[in-house]
Amino acid sequence: MTGAPMPAPDEEFGGRLVLVTGAARGIGAAVVRAFAARGAHVLATDVDGDGVRRLAATCEGTVTARPLDVTDSGAVEALVAEAEDTLGPLDVAVNVAGILRSAATVDLTDEDWAATFAVNTTGVFHVGRAAARRMADRGHGALVTVASNAAGIPRAHMSAYAASKAAAVMFTKCLGLELAASGVRCNTVCPGSTLTDMQRAMWTASGTTAETGARHVIEGDLAAHRTGIPLGRIADPADIAEAVVFLASDRARHITLHDLYVDGGATLRA
């Protein structure tokens, strides 16, 4: 059976409203730009309200910037409701907001653990629930959660982050199972090392330069039980954004409950 012809790339999301969290920088900002370039009206949100406003001012296409703390369930619900009243029905929701507290597990504080899960897992729940309530009633929609390849392979000094991302992946799959009969698709993108502020901060914290840090990531670290990156490069945020856009698009209309690893082969898909 032949489906309807696909729209031109710059019109692929024409007339659709896309919510992106964690949009002020890095992967989130790249996701906003990718959707806006394809005709979407993007609701770009971040706890850094000034950051998303600056992003919106530099984007080609239609971008509405709003501050949002995804750990606040009331704020999430209110923003989604307002968006649907003023901008139209929500077609796509993308969870990018995330934080990293890196330390040996014995040195992690209760606050480190709680804060990590509040953003990386509970925030995904808040956004997913608010979007699902509306998308299911309409019988269409897509949700994409940006997790991490650390969700699928142990990482030293990243137990809180890895556990929170693994939980976010499983939540997204369970939500996708519940919504499948309604025509709503839920998938995850699991990046590996990506050239973002979070990655640079890890190098700074370890006292290495960006050049040295990048080389160590690509080559791997036997002492940390970490393979290198077979493709020999660190991802650009745009690499992750392209995967997100694909999974949200009609080109992926028969894909749901899927993990798409975008890590240059770093986990050997273990």
Protein backbone atom coordinates (compact mmCIF):
# COMPACT_ATOMS: atom_id res chain seq x y z
CA MET A 1 0.00 0.00 0.00
CA THR A 2 1.39 3.37 -0.97
CA GLY A 3 1.00 6.17 1.57
CA ALA A 4 0.41 9.85 0.89
CA PRO A 5 3.38 11.75 -0.54
CA MET A 6 5.62 13.31 2.09
CA PRO A 7 5.77 17.12 2.26
CA ALA A 8 8.87 19.10 1.31
CA PRO A 9 11.50 19.07 4.09
CA ASP A 10 10.89 22.70 5.06
CA GLU A 11 7.15 22.06 5.35
CA GLU A 12 7.24 18.67 7.09
CA PHE A 13 5.82 20.05 10.34
CA GLY A 14 3.86 22.92 8.84
CA GLY A 15 0.87 23.84 10.99
CA ARG A 16 2.01 21.66 13.91
CA LEU A 17 2.78 22.74 17.46
CA VAL A 18 5.88 21.23 19.06
CA LEU A 19 6.80 21.58 22.76
CA VAL A 20 10.49 21.29 23.63
CA THR A 21 11.82 21.34 27.20
CA GLY A 22 15.42 22.14 28.11
CA ALA A 23 15.55 24.34 25.03
CA ALA A 24 17.89 27.13 26.07
CA ARG A 25 21.09 25.47 24.88
CA GLY A 26 22.75 22.32 23.63
CA ILE A 27 20.57 19.51 22.34
CA GLY A 28 17.35 21.30 23.26
CA ALA A 29 18.27 24.38 21.25
CA ALA A 30 19.25 22.21 18.29
CA VAL A 31 15.89 20.42 18.48
CA VAL A 32 14.06 23.76 18.45
CA ARG A 33 15.98 24.92 15.39
CA ALA A 34 15.39 21.64 13.56
CA PHE A 35 11.63 21.73 14.05
CA ALA A 36 11.35 25.44 13.30
CA ALA A 37 13.28 24.94 10.05
CA ARG A 38 10.67 22.35 9.04
CA GLY A 39 7.72 24.67 9.49
CA ALA A 40 6.64 23.86 13.04
CA HIS A 41 5.49 26.40 15.59
CA VAL A 42 7.83 25.55 18.46
CA LEU A 43 7.05 26.26 22.09
CA ALA A 44 10.60 26.45 23.49
CA THR A 45 10.76 26.09 27.27
CA ASP A 46 13.49 26.06 29.88
CA VAL A 47 14.01 26.96 33.51
CA ASP A 48 16.33 29.60 31.98
CA GLY A 49 13.67 31.93 30.59
CA ASP A 50 16.19 34.47 29.31
CA GLY A 51 18.02 31.69 27.47
CA VAL A 52 14.98 30.53 25.52
CA ARG A 53 14.04 34.12 24.70
CA ARG A 54 17.51 34.67 23.24
CA LEU A 55 17.18 31.45 21.27
CA ALA A 56 13.79 32.46 19.88
CA ALA A 57 15.21 35.77 18.72
CA THR A 58 17.85 33.99 16.63
CA CYS A 59 15.69 31.24 15.13
CA GLU A 60 14.30 31.22 11.64
CA GLY A 61 10.65 30.22 11.78
CA THR A 62 8.08 30.57 14.53
CA VAL A 63 9.32 30.04 18.08
CA THR A 64 7.47 31.02 21.25
CA ALA A 65 9.67 31.15 24.35
CA ARG A 66 8.35 30.40 27.84
CA PRO A 67 10.11 29.75 31.17
CA LEU A 68 9.27 26.34 32.62
CA ASP A 69 10.47 24.27 35.55
CA VAL A 70 9.57 20.70 34.60
CA THR A 71 9.75 19.62 38.24
CA ASP A 72 6.64 21.73 38.94
CA SER A 73 3.68 19.64 37.83
CA GLY A 74 1.24 22.55 38.16
CA ALA A 75 3.42 24.78 35.99
CA VAL A 76 3.69 22.10 33.32
CA GLU A 77 -0.04 21.50 33.22
CA ALA A 78 -0.79 25.23 33.15
CA LEU A 79 1.66 25.90 30.31
CA VAL A 80 0.34 23.05 28.15
CA ALA A 81 -3.24 24.19 28.76
CA GLU A 82 -2.36 27.79 27.90
CA ALA A 83 -0.50 26.70 24.77
CA GLU A 84 -3.46 24.69 23.53
CA ASP A 85 -5.79 27.64 24.18
CA THR A 86 -3.60 30.21 22.43
CA LEU A 87 -1.38 28.36 19.95
CA GLY A 88 -3.44 25.32 18.98
CA PRO A 89 -3.38 21.58 19.66
CA LEU A 90 -0.08 20.07 20.76
CA ASP A 91 1.19 17.64 18.12
CA VAL A 92 4.66 16.78 19.44
CA ALA A 93 6.29 16.92 22.88
CA VAL A 94 10.05 16.52 23.28
CA ASN A 95 11.64 15.99 26.70
CA VAL A 96 15.19 17.32 26.67
CA ALA A 97 15.52 19.00 30.08
CA GLY A 98 18.12 17.21 32.16
CA ILE A 99 20.85 17.68 34.74
CA LEU A 100 23.98 15.74 35.68
CA ARG A 101 25.39 15.31 39.17
CA SER A 102 28.59 13.32 38.66
CA ALA A 103 30.26 11.68 41.65
CA ALA A 104 31.16 8.32 43.09
CA THR A 105 27.98 6.80 44.47
CA VAL A 106 29.34 6.78 48.03
CA ASP A 107 29.84 10.53 47.74
CA LEU A 108 26.44 11.38 46.25
CA THR A 109 24.25 13.41 48.56
CA ASP A 110 20.54 12.93 49.06
CA GLU A 111 20.04 16.28 47.33
CA ASP A 112 22.11 15.16 44.31
CA TRP A 113 19.96 12.04 43.92
CA ALA A 114 16.65 13.82 44.44
CA ALA A 115 17.46 16.73 42.13
CA THR A 116 18.60 14.40 39.35
CA PHE A 117 15.42 12.35 39.45
CA ALA A 118 13.23 15.44 39.85
CA VAL A 119 14.37 16.80 36.48
CA ASN A 120 15.40 13.75 34.48
CA THR A 121 12.56 11.41 35.46
CA THR A 122 9.73 13.24 37.24
CA GLY A 123 9.95 16.10 34.74
CA VAL A 124 9.49 13.62 31.90
CA PHE A 125 6.46 12.22 33.73
CA HIS A 126 4.93 15.68 34.16
CA VAL A 127 5.32 16.60 30.49
CA GLY A 128 4.35 13.17 29.21
CA ARG A 129 1.19 13.07 31.31
CA ALA A 130 0.08 16.57 30.29
CA ALA A 131 0.69 15.85 26.59
CA ALA A 132 -0.84 12.37 26.69
CA ARG A 133 -4.11 13.58 28.18
CA ARG A 134 -4.68 15.79 25.16
CA MET A 135 -3.11 13.75 22.38
CA ALA A 136 -5.02 10.58 23.27
CA ASP A 137 -8.36 12.36 23.03
CA ARG A 138 -7.48 13.58 19.52
CA GLY A 139 -6.10 10.22 18.38
CA HIS A 140 -2.70 11.41 17.20
CA GLY A 141 0.57 12.83 18.43
CA ALA A 142 4.18 11.96 19.15
CA LEU A 143 6.33 12.15 22.26
CA VAL A 144 10.11 11.83 22.19
CA THR A 145 12.26 11.62 25.30
CA VAL A 146 15.96 12.41 25.00
CA ALA A 147 17.58 10.04 27.47
CA SER A 148 21.20 8.81 27.29
CA ASN A 149 23.18 5.76 26.30
CA ALA A 150 24.03 5.64 30.02
CA ALA A 151 20.47 4.35 30.46
CA GLY A 152 21.58 1.07 28.93
CA ILE A 153 25.14 0.55 30.15
CA PRO A 154 26.79 1.15 33.54
CA ARG A 155 28.91 4.29 33.90
CA ALA A 156 31.30 4.99 36.75
CA HIS A 157 30.47 8.13 38.76
CA MET A 158 27.15 8.50 36.95
CA SER A 159 24.82 6.27 38.95
CA ALA A 160 22.14 8.90 39.64
CA TYR A 161 22.18 10.17 36.06
CA ALA A 162 22.15 6.69 34.49
CA ALA A 163 19.40 5.43 36.80
CA SER A 164 17.25 8.51 36.17
CA LYS A 165 17.63 8.17 32.42
CA ALA A 166 16.85 4.44 32.52
CA ALA A 167 13.68 5.25 34.44
CA ALA A 168 12.75 7.91 31.88
CA VAL A 169 13.20 5.40 29.06
CA MET A 170 10.95 2.82 30.70
CA PHE A 171 8.33 5.43 31.57
CA THR A 172 8.25 6.55 27.94
CA LYS A 173 7.84 2.95 26.74
CA CYS A 174 5.02 2.26 29.22
CA LEU A 175 3.28 5.46 28.17
CA GLY A 176 3.69 4.46 24.54
CA LEU A 177 2.12 1.08 25.21
CA GLU A 178 -0.87 2.70 26.89
CA LEU A 179 -1.32 5.24 24.09
CA ALA A 180 -0.67 3.01 21.06
CA ALA A 181 -4.34 2.22 20.51
CA SER A 182 -5.00 5.97 20.43
CA GLY A 183 -2.51 6.50 17.63
CA VAL A 184 0.02 8.33 19.81
CA ARG A 185 3.64 7.23 19.45
CA CYS A 186 6.28 7.42 22.21
CA ASN A 187 9.99 6.86 21.56
CA THR A 188 13.35 7.70 23.07
CA VAL A 189 16.63 8.96 21.66
CA CYS A 190 19.71 7.92 23.63
CA PRO A 191 22.71 10.11 22.82
CA GLY A 192 26.27 9.33 23.70
CA SER A 193 28.88 12.01 24.32
CA THR A 194 27.70 15.21 22.64
CA LEU A 195 29.42 18.57 22.41
CA THR A 196 27.24 20.49 24.87
CA ASP A 197 27.78 22.65 27.95
CA MET A 198 27.19 19.54 30.09
CA GLN A 199 29.99 17.68 28.32
CA ARG A 200 32.36 20.65 28.57
CA ALA A 201 31.59 20.99 32.28
CA MET A 202 32.65 17.38 32.82
CA TRP A 203 36.01 18.13 31.21
CA THR A 204 36.44 21.28 33.27
CA ALA A 205 35.61 19.43 36.49
CA SER A 206 38.26 16.82 35.72
CA GLY A 207 40.85 19.51 34.98
CA THR A 208 41.32 18.64 31.31
CA THR A 209 41.19 20.85 28.26
CA ALA A 210 38.44 20.45 25.72
CA GLU A 211 40.90 18.99 23.22
CA THR A 212 42.28 16.46 25.69
CA GLY A 213 38.84 15.62 27.01
CA ALA A 214 37.48 15.00 23.54
CA ARG A 215 40.39 12.75 22.68
CA HIS A 216 39.89 10.70 25.84
CA VAL A 217 36.18 10.27 25.08
CA ILE A 218 36.86 9.15 21.53
CA GLU A 219 39.68 6.79 22.53
CA GLY A 220 37.91 5.39 25.59
CA ASP A 221 39.10 4.79 29.13
CA LEU A 222 39.94 1.23 30.16
CA ALA A 223 40.26 2.18 33.84
CA ALA A 224 36.68 3.47 33.80
CA HIS A 225 35.47 0.43 31.81
CA ARG A 226 34.39 2.75 29.02
CA THR A 227 34.78 2.02 25.33
CA GLY A 228 35.65 4.75 22.89
CA ILE A 229 33.56 5.93 19.96
CA PRO A 230 34.01 3.69 16.90
CA LEU A 231 33.00 6.46 14.49
CA GLY A 232 35.85 8.56 15.87
CA ARG A 233 33.94 11.76 16.65
CA ILE A 234 31.85 13.34 19.37
CA ALA A 235 28.27 14.07 18.35
CA ASP A 236 27.11 17.55 17.50
CA PRO A 237 23.74 18.54 19.05
CA ALA A 238 22.32 18.66 15.53
CA ASP A 239 23.01 14.92 15.17
CA ILE A 240 20.69 14.24 18.09
CA ALA A 241 18.11 16.74 16.87
CA GLU A 242 17.84 15.00 13.51
CA ALA A 243 17.04 11.71 15.25
CA VAL A 244 14.37 13.41 17.36
CA VAL A 245 12.76 15.02 14.32
CA PHE A 246 12.68 11.71 12.48
CA LEU A 247 10.95 9.86 15.31
CA ALA A 248 8.38 12.66 15.64
CA SER A 249 7.69 12.74 11.91
CA ASP A 250 5.24 10.86 9.73
CA ARG A 251 8.24 9.05 8.27
CA ALA A 252 8.32 7.12 11.57
CA ARG A 253 4.58 6.56 11.69
CA HIS A 254 4.98 2.82 12.41
CA ILE A 255 7.66 3.23 15.09
CA THR A 256 6.79 3.35 18.78
CA LEU A 257 8.32 2.07 22.07
CA HIS A 258 11.73 2.34 20.41
CA ASP A 259 15.17 3.37 21.72
CA LEU A 260 17.31 5.03 19.06
CA TYR A 261 20.93 5.10 20.17
CA VAL A 262 22.88 7.98 18.63
CA ASP A 263 26.34 7.45 20.09
CA GLY A 264 28.65 6.59 17.22
CA GLY A 265 28.65 2.97 18.36
CA ALA A 266 30.11 3.81 21.80
CA THR A 267 28.03 1.31 23.76
CA LEU A 268 28.44 -1.39 21.12
CA ARG A 269 24.66 -1.48 21.70
CA ALA A 270 25.26 -3.59 24.81
